[in-house]
Structure formats: structure tokens, C-alpha cells
Amino acid sequence: MNVLLLGRMASWCARELETRLGPGYSITAVSDTGRLEDYWPQVEAAEVIVGWPVSNEALRRAANLRLLHVAGAGIDGLDLDAVPPHVRVCNTFHHEVAIAEYVMMAMLNLARRPAHYDARLRQGDWTGSCIWGETPVLAELFGREALLVGLGHIAREIAVRAHAFGIRLTGASRNPVPAEPFSRVVSFRDWEACLPDADFVIPCCPLTPETTGLIGAAQFARMKQTAFLINITRGRVVDERAAYEALRDRRIAGAALDVWYQYPNQPDEQRLPSRYPFHELPNVLLSPHNSGWTMRTILGRAGDIAANIQSLAAGGTLRNVVR
């Protein structure tokens, strides 16, 4: 069986799949730095394509394609209308635990500001210490409220960990049924009414036409001035300009942003993640879209992809079928 790996996930996936699949499979990897047009024969021969994103031109040329496997959870880099009807589309997860841990780290960092006090104390500055009886400026997570917009894999893992810290949880779902450990679950159409009570606002929904710009100026205006935004889904779920202005003007207290609006095109390219200078704001915690990128994540994903390729070859049932 001919397997073609495309794009950003190709290099790590190739090594893992070669080990897991063994003989009987021909694996070709084309990384981001490769020229796809140099591999048209392999594209045309491919029965399985693994990657993200996958261009419409590659899909048009893949005459023997049977399975298109996204190398992660998001399918926003894929035009489903361009995928032939007979081709199965699958994705894979395993990033939810890592992202949930990142969210807890972000909550603690935003509330307690350890890097800020570390930097000060290295200069001999004891501002904020208990030894002089100053009024405390730090907050605990206990008793705070978090609003999770979307209740998929990631939100459920966040909820388990946040609940252990004593955080009250509100969830917004298209299927609003009571669920532990949430204090309340509201309809997705009613989530904005929960903003004034939230200390942490965490979008966990996929990027779709409906959720693009889900959080904008109007939503920031409804949040507490002491509230924090944590974005781990896709940058464009939050309006770029509105987010920058809300943080710059301290309409909200701060944010942890792991997903962005501009990405480098090559591994060695230096590029700021937004056309706005988020990097100049002291109330923003930036990370380069790596909240879910752990060894456990990639090994789990490789296992799913290998299992689906083997099931396809054997005429079995596929897991995580998108279409």
C-alpha cells in the first residue's frame, strides 16, 4: 500500500509509521520544505495521504486515494468539498491532556505571575512580599469561575483539572445536557450571557465559519476587567484587533495565547505571530502553538494513523471518521 505524508507532520510521522507498519507499505514523506510538484507520481499512486494542510491540487491528482488522514484534530486546513466522495477522511487527537495541563499552567501564571516576581527578586526587589504586610495583589484559583466554550475532548480534560483546583465551571455546548464536573451547561447560543461572571474565558471549539471571530469587541466589553482569556483552539476564533486592543487598554486583565494569526512558512523563518504587537504587552503569555505538542501526543497520533492504515488494508473499521 502506498502511503504519502505531506506537510508539517511528515518528518516525525514517517519515522513512526515505518516502525509501526512494517513491510508491505511504501512510505514517502514530503516536508514543508519540499516541492510537491517533484512528487506528482507518488501523489497519483497514493492510496493513503496523511497530512495537514492538503492542497486541492494534490487531492485532484490523487487518483488512487482511499483514505485522507489529517495528522491532528483540526480539519480547517482541508477543503472537504474537494475530497472525492469515496475517500474516507479521519483525524486524530491525543493532545487534550497536554493542552489541559497548559491551561492550568496558564491560569496559575496569569493569577500568580511567578516570572514577574522571579525577575524582580533577581534584582533584589521584594515588592509583593508578605514580610512587610503589604496588601496582597495575587489571587487564588480556588472559587474562581471558568467559562469553556465548546465541550469536546479538550474541554473535558480541562474541566477535570480545573475542578480539582476548586474552580467553578460553566460550559457552553450545542447539546446542553448536565455534565460533571460542570456547575452548569448552557446552549452554545447562550454562552455570551455567561461572560460577566467568568474569571477565565477559554474557547475550546473548532474553527468554522460560525466560530470565526466568536470573541470580538462586543464580547470583550461584557467580560470583567479582572478576567483572563486563554486561547488554545485557533487564533481566528478570537478577533485579532479586538483582542489586542482589549489587552492593551486593560479592558481585561490578561491572556495566554498559544494559537495565532501569522505563522512562519519555513522552519528557520523568524516571524511575529500577529500584525499587532502582542509581544510588547506585559499582560500576555505567548507560546508558539505548542500547548499540545508533547511526545505522548505524537506517539498516540502515530498509533491512530497506523491502526487506520492497517484497518483500511484489511477492510476493517476505521476510527475517528470525519466523513
C-alpha atoms as a PDB file:
ATOM      1  CA  MET A   1       0.000   0.000   0.000  1.00  0.00           C
ATOM      2  CA  ASN A   2       1.309   3.432  -0.990  1.00  0.00           C
ATOM      3  CA  VAL A   3       1.287   5.988   1.816  1.00  0.00           C
ATOM      4  CA  LEU A   4       2.164   9.646   1.224  1.00  0.00           C
ATOM      5  CA  LEU A   5       2.929  12.033   4.086  1.00  0.00           C
ATOM      6  CA  LEU A   6       2.531  15.739   3.365  1.00  0.00           C
ATOM      7  CA  GLY A   7       3.453  18.925   5.143  1.00  0.00           C
ATOM      8  CA  ARG A   8       4.231  19.896   8.693  1.00  0.00           C
ATOM      9  CA  MET A   9       3.779  16.493  10.295  1.00  0.00           C
ATOM     10  CA  ALA A  10       5.625  14.484   7.655  1.00  0.00           C
ATOM     11  CA  SER A  11       9.031  14.083   9.266  1.00  0.00           C
ATOM     12  CA  TRP A  12       8.011  12.717  12.654  1.00  0.00           C
ATOM     13  CA  CYS A  13       5.144  10.685  11.214  1.00  0.00           C
ATOM     14  CA  ALA A  14       7.395   8.947   8.672  1.00  0.00           C
ATOM     15  CA  ARG A  15       9.696   7.534  11.340  1.00  0.00           C
ATOM     16  CA  GLU A  16       6.848   6.297  13.494  1.00  0.00           C
ATOM     17  CA  LEU A  17       4.827   4.775  10.655  1.00  0.00           C
ATOM     18  CA  GLU A  18       7.818   2.937   9.226  1.00  0.00           C
ATOM     19  CA  THR A  19       8.281   1.284  12.619  1.00  0.00           C
ATOM     20  CA  ARG A  20       4.606   0.537  13.227  1.00  0.00           C
ATOM     21  CA  LEU A  21       3.529  -0.581   9.753  1.00  0.00           C
ATOM     22  CA  GLY A  22       6.465  -2.756   8.780  1.00  0.00           C
ATOM     23  CA  PRO A  23       6.807  -4.400   5.347  1.00  0.00           C
ATOM     24  CA  GLY A  24       4.120  -4.157   2.702  1.00  0.00           C
ATOM     25  CA  TYR A  25       3.812  -0.389   2.875  1.00  0.00           C
ATOM     26  CA  SER A  26       5.627   2.150   0.732  1.00  0.00           C
ATOM     27  CA  ILE A  27       6.012   5.418   2.667  1.00  0.00           C
ATOM     28  CA  THR A  28       7.015   8.720   1.048  1.00  0.00           C
ATOM     29  CA  ALA A  29       7.351  11.919   3.065  1.00  0.00           C
ATOM     30  CA  VAL A  30       7.281  15.434   1.605  1.00  0.00           C
ATOM     31  CA  SER A  31       8.017  18.036   4.275  1.00  0.00           C
ATOM     32  CA  ASP A  32       7.111  21.728   4.221  1.00  0.00           C
ATOM     33  CA  THR A  33      10.470  22.473   2.642  1.00  0.00           C
ATOM     34  CA  GLY A  34       9.925  20.002  -0.207  1.00  0.00           C
ATOM     35  CA  ARG A  35       8.432  20.786  -3.608  1.00  0.00           C
ATOM     36  CA  LEU A  36       5.215  18.806  -4.008  1.00  0.00           C
ATOM     37  CA  GLU A  37       5.396  19.096  -7.790  1.00  0.00           C
ATOM     38  CA  ASP A  38       8.528  16.929  -7.647  1.00  0.00           C
ATOM     39  CA  TYR A  39       6.383  14.129  -6.197  1.00  0.00           C
ATOM     40  CA  TRP A  40       3.358  14.057  -8.523  1.00  0.00           C
ATOM     41  CA  PRO A  41       3.912  10.353  -9.383  1.00  0.00           C
ATOM     42  CA  GLN A  42       3.795   9.482  -5.670  1.00  0.00           C
ATOM     43  CA  VAL A  43       0.694  11.641  -5.222  1.00  0.00           C
ATOM     44  CA  GLU A  44      -1.015   9.891  -8.107  1.00  0.00           C
ATOM     45  CA  ALA A  45      -0.101   6.458  -6.715  1.00  0.00           C
ATOM     46  CA  ALA A  46      -1.049   7.198  -3.109  1.00  0.00           C
ATOM     47  CA  GLU A  47      -3.833   5.143  -1.548  1.00  0.00           C
ATOM     48  CA  VAL A  48      -3.392   6.980   1.742  1.00  0.00           C
ATOM     49  CA  ILE A  49      -2.424  10.627   2.267  1.00  0.00           C
ATOM     50  CA  VAL A  50      -1.521  11.777   5.765  1.00  0.00           C
ATOM     51  CA  GLY A  51      -1.026  15.471   6.406  1.00  0.00           C
ATOM     52  CA  TRP A  52      -2.220  18.950   7.189  1.00  0.00           C
ATOM     53  CA  PRO A  53      -2.819  21.052   5.230  1.00  0.00           C
ATOM     54  CA  VAL A  54      -3.522  19.182   1.975  1.00  0.00           C
ATOM     55  CA  SER A  55      -3.910  21.241  -1.184  1.00  0.00           C
ATOM     56  CA  ASN A  56      -6.779  20.861  -3.637  1.00  0.00           C
ATOM     57  CA  GLU A  57      -4.239  20.235  -6.391  1.00  0.00           C
ATOM     58  CA  ALA A  58      -2.888  17.222  -4.501  1.00  0.00           C
ATOM     59  CA  LEU A  59      -6.419  15.928  -3.984  1.00  0.00           C
ATOM     60  CA  ARG A  60      -7.203  16.378  -7.679  1.00  0.00           C
ATOM     61  CA  ARG A  61      -4.165  14.381  -8.739  1.00  0.00           C
ATOM     62  CA  ALA A  62      -4.566  11.578  -6.167  1.00  0.00           C
ATOM     63  CA  ALA A  63      -6.500   9.243  -8.470  1.00  0.00           C
ATOM     64  CA  ASN A  64      -5.981   6.143  -6.282  1.00  0.00           C
ATOM     65  CA  LEU A  65      -6.745   7.780  -2.954  1.00  0.00           C
ATOM     66  CA  ARG A  66      -8.841   5.794  -0.464  1.00  0.00           C
ATOM     67  CA  LEU A  67      -8.038   7.459   2.864  1.00  0.00           C
ATOM     68  CA  LEU A  68      -7.165  11.038   3.725  1.00  0.00           C
ATOM     69  CA  HIS A  69      -5.878  11.149   7.289  1.00  0.00           C
ATOM     70  CA  VAL A  70      -5.402  14.522   8.974  1.00  0.00           C
ATOM     71  CA  ALA A  71      -2.335  14.343  11.219  1.00  0.00           C
ATOM     72  CA  GLY A  72      -4.114  16.208  14.031  1.00  0.00           C
ATOM     73  CA  ALA A  73      -7.598  17.130  15.200  1.00  0.00           C
ATOM     74  CA  GLY A  74      -8.345  20.253  13.148  1.00  0.00           C
ATOM     75  CA  ILE A  75      -9.641  19.966   9.600  1.00  0.00           C
ATOM     76  CA  ASP A  76      -9.587  23.715   8.875  1.00  0.00           C
ATOM     77  CA  GLY A  77      -6.609  23.189   6.539  1.00  0.00           C
ATOM     78  CA  LEU A  78      -8.683  20.896   4.351  1.00  0.00           C
ATOM     79  CA  ASP A  79     -11.351  21.639   1.751  1.00  0.00           C
ATOM     80  CA  LEU A  80     -13.770  18.766   2.325  1.00  0.00           C
ATOM     81  CA  ASP A  81     -15.709  19.677  -0.816  1.00  0.00           C
ATOM     82  CA  ALA A  82     -12.562  18.927  -2.847  1.00  0.00           C
ATOM     83  CA  VAL A  83     -12.209  15.418  -1.394  1.00  0.00           C
ATOM     84  CA  PRO A  84     -13.789  12.808  -3.687  1.00  0.00           C
ATOM     85  CA  PRO A  85     -16.939  11.260  -2.158  1.00  0.00           C
ATOM     86  CA  HIS A  86     -15.490   7.738  -1.993  1.00  0.00           C
ATOM     87  CA  VAL A  87     -12.459   8.848   0.044  1.00  0.00           C
ATOM     88  CA  ARG A  88     -12.675   8.372   3.811  1.00  0.00           C
ATOM     89  CA  VAL A  89     -11.484  11.279   5.973  1.00  0.00           C
ATOM     90  CA  CYS A  90     -10.173  10.688   9.501  1.00  0.00           C
ATOM     91  CA  ASN A  91      -8.470  12.760  12.157  1.00  0.00           C
ATOM     92  CA  THR A  92      -6.722  12.037  15.451  1.00  0.00           C
ATOM     93  CA  PHE A  93      -6.489  13.591  18.887  1.00  0.00           C
ATOM     94  CA  HIS A  94      -4.317  12.708  21.951  1.00  0.00           C
ATOM     95  CA  HIS A  95      -3.467  16.371  22.547  1.00  0.00           C
ATOM     96  CA  GLU A  96      -6.203  17.047  25.071  1.00  0.00           C
ATOM     97  CA  VAL A  97      -4.252  16.076  28.197  1.00  0.00           C
ATOM     98  CA  ALA A  98      -1.247  18.187  27.212  1.00  0.00           C
ATOM     99  CA  ILE A  99      -3.441  21.170  26.386  1.00  0.00           C
ATOM    100  CA  ALA A 100      -5.357  20.824  29.642  1.00  0.00           C
ATOM    101  CA  GLU A 101      -2.057  20.902  31.535  1.00  0.00           C
ATOM    102  CA  TYR A 102      -1.044  24.007  29.579  1.00  0.00           C
ATOM    103  CA  VAL A 103      -4.327  25.691  30.522  1.00  0.00           C
ATOM    104  CA  MET A 104      -3.745  25.016  34.212  1.00  0.00           C
ATOM    105  CA  MET A 105      -0.193  26.343  33.883  1.00  0.00           C
ATOM    106  CA  ALA A 106      -1.548  29.440  32.145  1.00  0.00           C
ATOM    107  CA  MET A 107      -4.189  30.005  34.835  1.00  0.00           C
ATOM    108  CA  LEU A 108      -1.559  29.816  37.564  1.00  0.00           C
ATOM    109  CA  ASN A 109       0.844  32.072  35.688  1.00  0.00           C
ATOM    110  CA  LEU A 110      -1.798  34.683  34.959  1.00  0.00           C
ATOM    111  CA  ALA A 111      -3.139  34.678  38.507  1.00  0.00           C
ATOM    112  CA  ARG A 112       0.164  34.417  40.408  1.00  0.00           C
ATOM    113  CA  ARG A 113       2.724  35.972  37.985  1.00  0.00           C
ATOM    114  CA  PRO A 114       5.736  33.893  39.092  1.00  0.00           C
ATOM    115  CA  ALA A 115       8.035  35.094  36.279  1.00  0.00           C
ATOM    116  CA  HIS A 116       7.331  38.720  37.231  1.00  0.00           C
ATOM    117  CA  TYR A 117       8.318  38.195  40.860  1.00  0.00           C
ATOM    118  CA  ASP A 118      11.265  35.988  39.908  1.00  0.00           C
ATOM    119  CA  ALA A 119      12.671  38.782  37.726  1.00  0.00           C
ATOM    120  CA  ARG A 120      12.174  41.377  40.462  1.00  0.00           C
ATOM    121  CA  LEU A 121      13.786  39.322  43.204  1.00  0.00           C
ATOM    122  CA  ARG A 122      16.819  38.678  40.987  1.00  0.00           C
ATOM    123  CA  GLN A 123      17.309  42.459  41.209  1.00  0.00           C
ATOM    124  CA  GLY A 124      16.876  42.440  44.995  1.00  0.00           C
ATOM    125  CA  ASP A 125      13.325  43.842  44.786  1.00  0.00           C
ATOM    126  CA  TRP A 126      10.987  42.302  47.411  1.00  0.00           C
ATOM    127  CA  THR A 127       7.842  44.098  46.240  1.00  0.00           C
ATOM    128  CA  GLY A 128       4.786  41.941  46.882  1.00  0.00           C
ATOM    129  CA  SER A 129       6.357  40.016  49.747  1.00  0.00           C
ATOM    130  CA  CYS A 130       4.375  39.130  52.867  1.00  0.00           C
ATOM    131  CA  ILE A 131       7.214  40.261  55.121  1.00  0.00           C
ATOM    132  CA  TRP A 132       6.158  43.936  55.052  1.00  0.00           C
ATOM    133  CA  GLY A 133       2.456  43.265  55.388  1.00  0.00           C
ATOM    134  CA  GLU A 134       1.589  44.755  52.011  1.00  0.00           C
ATOM    135  CA  THR A 135      -1.935  44.338  50.703  1.00  0.00           C
ATOM    136  CA  PRO A 136      -1.911  41.103  48.653  1.00  0.00           C
ATOM    137  CA  VAL A 137      -2.360  41.606  44.923  1.00  0.00           C
ATOM    138  CA  LEU A 138      -2.308  37.937  43.934  1.00  0.00           C
ATOM    139  CA  ALA A 139      -5.408  35.791  43.501  1.00  0.00           C
ATOM    140  CA  GLU A 140      -6.099  32.117  44.091  1.00  0.00           C
ATOM    141  CA  LEU A 141      -7.736  29.834  41.566  1.00  0.00           C
ATOM    142  CA  PHE A 142      -9.989  28.401  44.260  1.00  0.00           C
ATOM    143  CA  GLY A 143     -13.511  29.783  43.947  1.00  0.00           C
ATOM    144  CA  ARG A 144     -12.901  31.348  40.529  1.00  0.00           C
ATOM    145  CA  GLU A 145     -15.198  30.643  37.580  1.00  0.00           C
ATOM    146  CA  ALA A 146     -14.127  29.384  34.164  1.00  0.00           C
ATOM    147  CA  LEU A 147     -16.270  29.501  31.035  1.00  0.00           C
ATOM    148  CA  LEU A 148     -15.440  26.793  28.492  1.00  0.00           C
ATOM    149  CA  VAL A 149     -16.986  27.484  25.090  1.00  0.00           C
ATOM    150  CA  GLY A 150     -17.334  24.094  23.416  1.00  0.00           C
ATOM    151  CA  LEU A 151     -17.321  20.809  25.317  1.00  0.00           C
ATOM    152  CA  GLY A 152     -15.207  18.404  23.299  1.00  0.00           C
ATOM    153  CA  HIS A 153     -12.150  16.329  24.202  1.00  0.00           C
ATOM    154  CA  ILE A 154     -10.059  19.284  25.331  1.00  0.00           C
ATOM    155  CA  ALA A 155     -12.741  20.963  27.452  1.00  0.00           C
ATOM    156  CA  ARG A 156     -13.470  17.743  29.338  1.00  0.00           C
ATOM    157  CA  GLU A 157      -9.815  17.313  30.295  1.00  0.00           C
ATOM    158  CA  ILE A 158      -9.533  20.958  31.334  1.00  0.00           C
ATOM    159  CA  ALA A 159     -12.666  20.598  33.452  1.00  0.00           C
ATOM    160  CA  VAL A 160     -11.308  17.626  35.418  1.00  0.00           C
ATOM    161  CA  ARG A 161      -8.134  19.506  36.341  1.00  0.00           C
ATOM    162  CA  ALA A 162      -9.793  22.862  36.994  1.00  0.00           C
ATOM    163  CA  HIS A 163     -12.389  21.245  39.243  1.00  0.00           C
ATOM    164  CA  ALA A 164      -9.573  19.764  41.334  1.00  0.00           C
ATOM    165  CA  PHE A 165      -8.386  23.338  41.980  1.00  0.00           C
ATOM    166  CA  GLY A 166     -11.830  24.337  43.229  1.00  0.00           C
ATOM    167  CA  ILE A 167     -12.757  26.306  40.109  1.00  0.00           C
ATOM    168  CA  ARG A 168     -16.456  26.564  39.286  1.00  0.00           C
ATOM    169  CA  LEU A 169     -17.149  25.520  35.719  1.00  0.00           C
ATOM    170  CA  THR A 170     -19.643  26.722  33.140  1.00  0.00           C
ATOM    171  CA  GLY A 171     -19.765  25.004  29.776  1.00  0.00           C
ATOM    172  CA  ALA A 172     -21.396  26.001  26.510  1.00  0.00           C
ATOM    173  CA  SER A 173     -22.419  23.203  24.172  1.00  0.00           C
ATOM    174  CA  ARG A 174     -24.615  22.559  21.175  1.00  0.00           C
ATOM    175  CA  ASN A 175     -26.003  19.685  23.222  1.00  0.00           C
ATOM    176  CA  PRO A 176     -26.513  21.373  26.603  1.00  0.00           C
ATOM    177  CA  VAL A 177     -27.085  18.495  28.994  1.00  0.00           C
ATOM    178  CA  PRO A 178     -25.833  18.449  32.617  1.00  0.00           C
ATOM    179  CA  ALA A 179     -22.328  17.025  32.866  1.00  0.00           C
ATOM    180  CA  GLU A 180     -19.898  16.559  35.721  1.00  0.00           C
ATOM    181  CA  PRO A 181     -17.933  18.444  36.941  1.00  0.00           C
ATOM    182  CA  PHE A 182     -19.717  21.472  35.412  1.00  0.00           C
ATOM    183  CA  SER A 183     -21.910  23.594  37.677  1.00  0.00           C
ATOM    184  CA  ARG A 184     -23.974  24.475  34.632  1.00  0.00           C
ATOM    185  CA  VAL A 185     -24.057  23.760  30.917  1.00  0.00           C
ATOM    186  CA  VAL A 186     -25.782  26.242  28.637  1.00  0.00           C
ATOM    187  CA  SER A 187     -26.679  26.231  24.974  1.00  0.00           C
ATOM    188  CA  PHE A 188     -23.982  27.418  22.596  1.00  0.00           C
ATOM    189  CA  ARG A 189     -26.257  30.257  21.517  1.00  0.00           C
ATOM    190  CA  ASP A 190     -26.463  31.485  25.132  1.00  0.00           C
ATOM    191  CA  TRP A 191     -22.768  31.441  26.052  1.00  0.00           C
ATOM    192  CA  GLU A 192     -22.315  35.217  25.881  1.00  0.00           C
ATOM    193  CA  ALA A 193     -24.707  35.706  28.805  1.00  0.00           C
ATOM    194  CA  CYS A 194     -22.158  33.880  30.971  1.00  0.00           C
ATOM    195  CA  LEU A 195     -19.291  36.284  30.193  1.00  0.00           C
ATOM    196  CA  PRO A 196     -19.897  38.778  33.027  1.00  0.00           C
ATOM    197  CA  ASP A 197     -19.435  36.009  35.636  1.00  0.00           C
ATOM    198  CA  ALA A 198     -16.322  34.391  34.140  1.00  0.00           C
ATOM    199  CA  ASP A 199     -12.840  34.862  35.554  1.00  0.00           C
ATOM    200  CA  PHE A 200     -11.325  32.734  32.776  1.00  0.00           C
ATOM    201  CA  VAL A 201     -12.777  32.519  29.259  1.00  0.00           C
ATOM    202  CA  ILE A 202     -11.476  29.526  27.323  1.00  0.00           C
ATOM    203  CA  PRO A 203     -12.717  28.851  23.779  1.00  0.00           C
ATOM    204  CA  CYS A 204     -12.484  25.118  23.064  1.00  0.00           C
ATOM    205  CA  CYS A 205     -14.490  24.989  19.847  1.00  0.00           C
ATOM    206  CA  PRO A 206     -13.098  24.211  16.388  1.00  0.00           C
ATOM    207  CA  LEU A 207     -12.610  26.952  13.816  1.00  0.00           C
ATOM    208  CA  THR A 208     -15.619  27.061  11.490  1.00  0.00           C
ATOM    209  CA  PRO A 209     -17.390  29.856   9.622  1.00  0.00           C
ATOM    210  CA  GLU A 210     -19.699  30.127  12.644  1.00  0.00           C
ATOM    211  CA  THR A 211     -16.900  30.414  15.208  1.00  0.00           C
ATOM    212  CA  THR A 212     -14.569  32.722  13.262  1.00  0.00           C
ATOM    213  CA  GLY A 213     -14.422  35.929  15.292  1.00  0.00           C
ATOM    214  CA  LEU A 214     -16.576  34.354  18.002  1.00  0.00           C
ATOM    215  CA  ILE A 215     -14.909  36.573  20.601  1.00  0.00           C
ATOM    216  CA  GLY A 216     -14.671  40.162  19.449  1.00  0.00           C
ATOM    217  CA  ALA A 217     -15.056  43.695  20.785  1.00  0.00           C
ATOM    218  CA  ALA A 218     -18.640  43.137  21.939  1.00  0.00           C
ATOM    219  CA  GLN A 219     -17.685  40.040  23.898  1.00  0.00           C
ATOM    220  CA  PHE A 220     -14.619  41.665  25.486  1.00  0.00           C
ATOM    221  CA  ALA A 221     -16.887  44.512  26.594  1.00  0.00           C
ATOM    222  CA  ARG A 222     -19.031  42.041  28.548  1.00  0.00           C
ATOM    223  CA  MET A 223     -16.085  40.478  30.383  1.00  0.00           C
ATOM    224  CA  LYS A 224     -14.852  41.533  33.800  1.00  0.00           C
ATOM    225  CA  GLN A 225     -11.879  43.858  33.866  1.00  0.00           C
ATOM    226  CA  THR A 226     -10.220  41.206  36.052  1.00  0.00           C
ATOM    227  CA  ALA A 227     -10.944  38.357  33.616  1.00  0.00           C
ATOM    228  CA  PHE A 228      -8.410  36.402  31.576  1.00  0.00           C
ATOM    229  CA  LEU A 229      -8.646  34.878  28.100  1.00  0.00           C
ATOM    230  CA  ILE A 230      -6.897  31.601  27.302  1.00  0.00           C
ATOM    231  CA  ASN A 231      -6.915  30.622  23.619  1.00  0.00           C
ATOM    232  CA  ILE A 232      -5.803  27.096  22.705  1.00  0.00           C
ATOM    233  CA  THR A 233      -8.099  26.375  19.753  1.00  0.00           C
ATOM    234  CA  ARG A 234      -7.388  28.550  16.671  1.00  0.00           C
ATOM    235  CA  GLY A 235      -6.270  32.165  16.550  1.00  0.00           C
ATOM    236  CA  ARG A 236      -9.123  33.355  14.363  1.00  0.00           C
ATOM    237  CA  VAL A 237     -11.766  32.207  16.863  1.00  0.00           C
ATOM    238  CA  VAL A 238     -10.777  35.449  18.632  1.00  0.00           C
ATOM    239  CA  ASP A 239     -10.801  38.670  16.624  1.00  0.00           C
ATOM    240  CA  GLU A 240      -7.178  39.778  16.306  1.00  0.00           C
ATOM    241  CA  ARG A 241      -7.615  43.530  16.580  1.00  0.00           C
ATOM    242  CA  ALA A 242     -10.251  43.335  19.302  1.00  0.00           C
ATOM    243  CA  ALA A 243      -8.032  41.060  21.396  1.00  0.00           C
ATOM    244  CA  TYR A 244      -5.024  43.321  21.060  1.00  0.00           C
ATOM    245  CA  GLU A 245      -6.962  46.456  21.956  1.00  0.00           C
ATOM    246  CA  ALA A 246      -8.701  44.828  24.926  1.00  0.00           C
ATOM    247  CA  LEU A 247      -5.347  43.692  26.316  1.00  0.00           C
ATOM    248  CA  ARG A 248      -3.507  46.920  25.507  1.00  0.00           C
ATOM    249  CA  ASP A 249      -6.197  49.046  27.144  1.00  0.00           C
ATOM    250  CA  ARG A 250      -6.580  46.644  30.107  1.00  0.00           C
ATOM    251  CA  ARG A 251     -10.263  46.086  29.409  1.00  0.00           C
ATOM    252  CA  ILE A 252      -9.433  42.576  30.571  1.00  0.00           C
ATOM    253  CA  ALA A 253      -6.617  41.613  32.918  1.00  0.00           C
ATOM    254  CA  GLY A 254      -4.579  39.449  30.575  1.00  0.00           C
ATOM    255  CA  ALA A 255      -4.372  36.465  28.260  1.00  0.00           C
ATOM    256  CA  ALA A 256      -2.466  33.325  27.448  1.00  0.00           C
ATOM    257  CA  LEU A 257      -2.315  32.832  23.683  1.00  0.00           C
ATOM    258  CA  ASP A 258      -0.986  29.644  22.129  1.00  0.00           C
ATOM    259  CA  VAL A 259      -2.632  29.975  18.708  1.00  0.00           C
ATOM    260  CA  TRP A 260      -2.063  32.796  16.282  1.00  0.00           C
ATOM    261  CA  TYR A 261      -2.802  34.792  13.154  1.00  0.00           C
ATOM    262  CA  GLN A 262       0.549  34.615  11.326  1.00  0.00           C
ATOM    263  CA  TYR A 263       2.805  31.592  11.107  1.00  0.00           C
ATOM    264  CA  PRO A 264       6.253  31.130   9.533  1.00  0.00           C
ATOM    265  CA  ASN A 265       6.355  29.384   6.184  1.00  0.00           C
ATOM    266  CA  GLN A 266       9.730  27.712   6.780  1.00  0.00           C
ATOM    267  CA  PRO A 267      11.229  26.167   9.943  1.00  0.00           C
ATOM    268  CA  ASP A 268      14.029  28.758  10.219  1.00  0.00           C
ATOM    269  CA  GLU A 269      11.860  31.794   9.416  1.00  0.00           C
ATOM    270  CA  GLN A 270      11.614  34.436  12.144  1.00  0.00           C
ATOM    271  CA  ARG A 271       8.118  35.905  12.174  1.00  0.00           C
ATOM    272  CA  LEU A 272       5.997  37.604  14.796  1.00  0.00           C
ATOM    273  CA  PRO A 273       2.666  35.848  15.361  1.00  0.00           C
ATOM    274  CA  SER A 274       0.403  38.836  14.721  1.00  0.00           C
ATOM    275  CA  ARG A 275       0.303  42.103  12.817  1.00  0.00           C
ATOM    276  CA  TYR A 276      -0.371  43.701  16.204  1.00  0.00           C
ATOM    277  CA  PRO A 277       2.412  43.910  18.832  1.00  0.00           C
ATOM    278  CA  PHE A 278       1.079  41.421  21.369  1.00  0.00           C
ATOM    279  CA  HIS A 279       4.720  40.702  22.208  1.00  0.00           C
ATOM    280  CA  GLU A 280       5.053  44.182  23.729  1.00  0.00           C
ATOM    281  CA  LEU A 281       2.213  43.649  26.215  1.00  0.00           C
ATOM    282  CA  PRO A 282       3.284  42.597  29.728  1.00  0.00           C
ATOM    283  CA  ASN A 283      -0.120  41.033  30.491  1.00  0.00           C
ATOM    284  CA  VAL A 284       0.099  38.438  27.724  1.00  0.00           C
ATOM    285  CA  LEU A 285       1.677  34.991  27.950  1.00  0.00           C
ATOM    286  CA  LEU A 286       2.768  33.906  24.452  1.00  0.00           C
ATOM    287  CA  SER A 287       3.613  30.405  23.252  1.00  0.00           C
ATOM    288  CA  PRO A 288       4.285  29.155  19.692  1.00  0.00           C
ATOM    289  CA  HIS A 289       1.293  26.803  19.202  1.00  0.00           C
ATOM    290  CA  ASN A 290       2.872  24.048  21.284  1.00  0.00           C
ATOM    291  CA  SER A 291       0.410  23.542  24.134  1.00  0.00           C
ATOM    292  CA  GLY A 292      -0.488  20.076  22.847  1.00  0.00           C
ATOM    293  CA  TRP A 293       2.837  19.161  21.242  1.00  0.00           C
ATOM    294  CA  THR A 294       4.304  16.509  23.532  1.00  0.00           C
ATOM    295  CA  MET A 295       5.864  13.125  22.866  1.00  0.00           C
ATOM    296  CA  ARG A 296       2.759  11.451  24.256  1.00  0.00           C
ATOM    297  CA  THR A 297       0.644  13.359  21.724  1.00  0.00           C
ATOM    298  CA  ILE A 298       2.651  12.397  18.660  1.00  0.00           C
ATOM    299  CA  LEU A 299       3.036   8.751  19.677  1.00  0.00           C
ATOM    300  CA  GLY A 300      -0.707   8.466  20.253  1.00  0.00           C
ATOM    301  CA  ARG A 301      -1.445  10.083  16.909  1.00  0.00           C
ATOM    302  CA  ALA A 302       1.004   7.842  15.086  1.00  0.00           C
ATOM    303  CA  GLY A 303      -0.722   4.868  16.683  1.00  0.00           C
ATOM    304  CA  ASP A 304      -4.131   6.006  15.427  1.00  0.00           C
ATOM    305  CA  ILE A 305      -2.844   6.681  11.926  1.00  0.00           C
ATOM    306  CA  ALA A 306      -1.047   3.342  11.702  1.00  0.00           C
ATOM    307  CA  ALA A 307      -4.092   1.472  13.013  1.00  0.00           C
ATOM    308  CA  ASN A 308      -6.356   3.132  10.446  1.00  0.00           C
ATOM    309  CA  ILE A 309      -3.979   2.373   7.576  1.00  0.00           C
ATOM    310  CA  GLN A 310      -3.823  -1.278   8.655  1.00  0.00           C
ATOM    311  CA  SER A 311      -7.613  -1.410   9.030  1.00  0.00           C
ATOM    312  CA  LEU A 312      -8.029   0.055   5.558  1.00  0.00           C
ATOM    313  CA  ALA A 313      -5.718  -2.591   4.120  1.00  0.00           C
ATOM    314  CA  ALA A 314      -7.643  -5.350   5.912  1.00  0.00           C
ATOM    315  CA  GLY A 315     -11.093  -3.983   5.093  1.00  0.00           C
ATOM    316  CA  GLY A 316     -11.757  -3.212   8.749  1.00  0.00           C
ATOM    317  CA  THR A 317     -13.407  -0.365  10.660  1.00  0.00           C
ATOM    318  CA  LEU A 318     -11.677   2.993  10.845  1.00  0.00           C
ATOM    319  CA  ARG A 319     -11.532   5.167  13.974  1.00  0.00           C
ATOM    320  CA  ASN A 320     -12.152   8.930  14.219  1.00  0.00           C
ATOM    321  CA  VAL A 321     -14.014   9.118  10.922  1.00  0.00           C
ATOM    322  CA  VAL A 322     -14.839  12.710   9.951  1.00  0.00           C
ATOM    323  CA  ARG A 323     -16.557  11.738   6.727  1.00  0.00           C
END
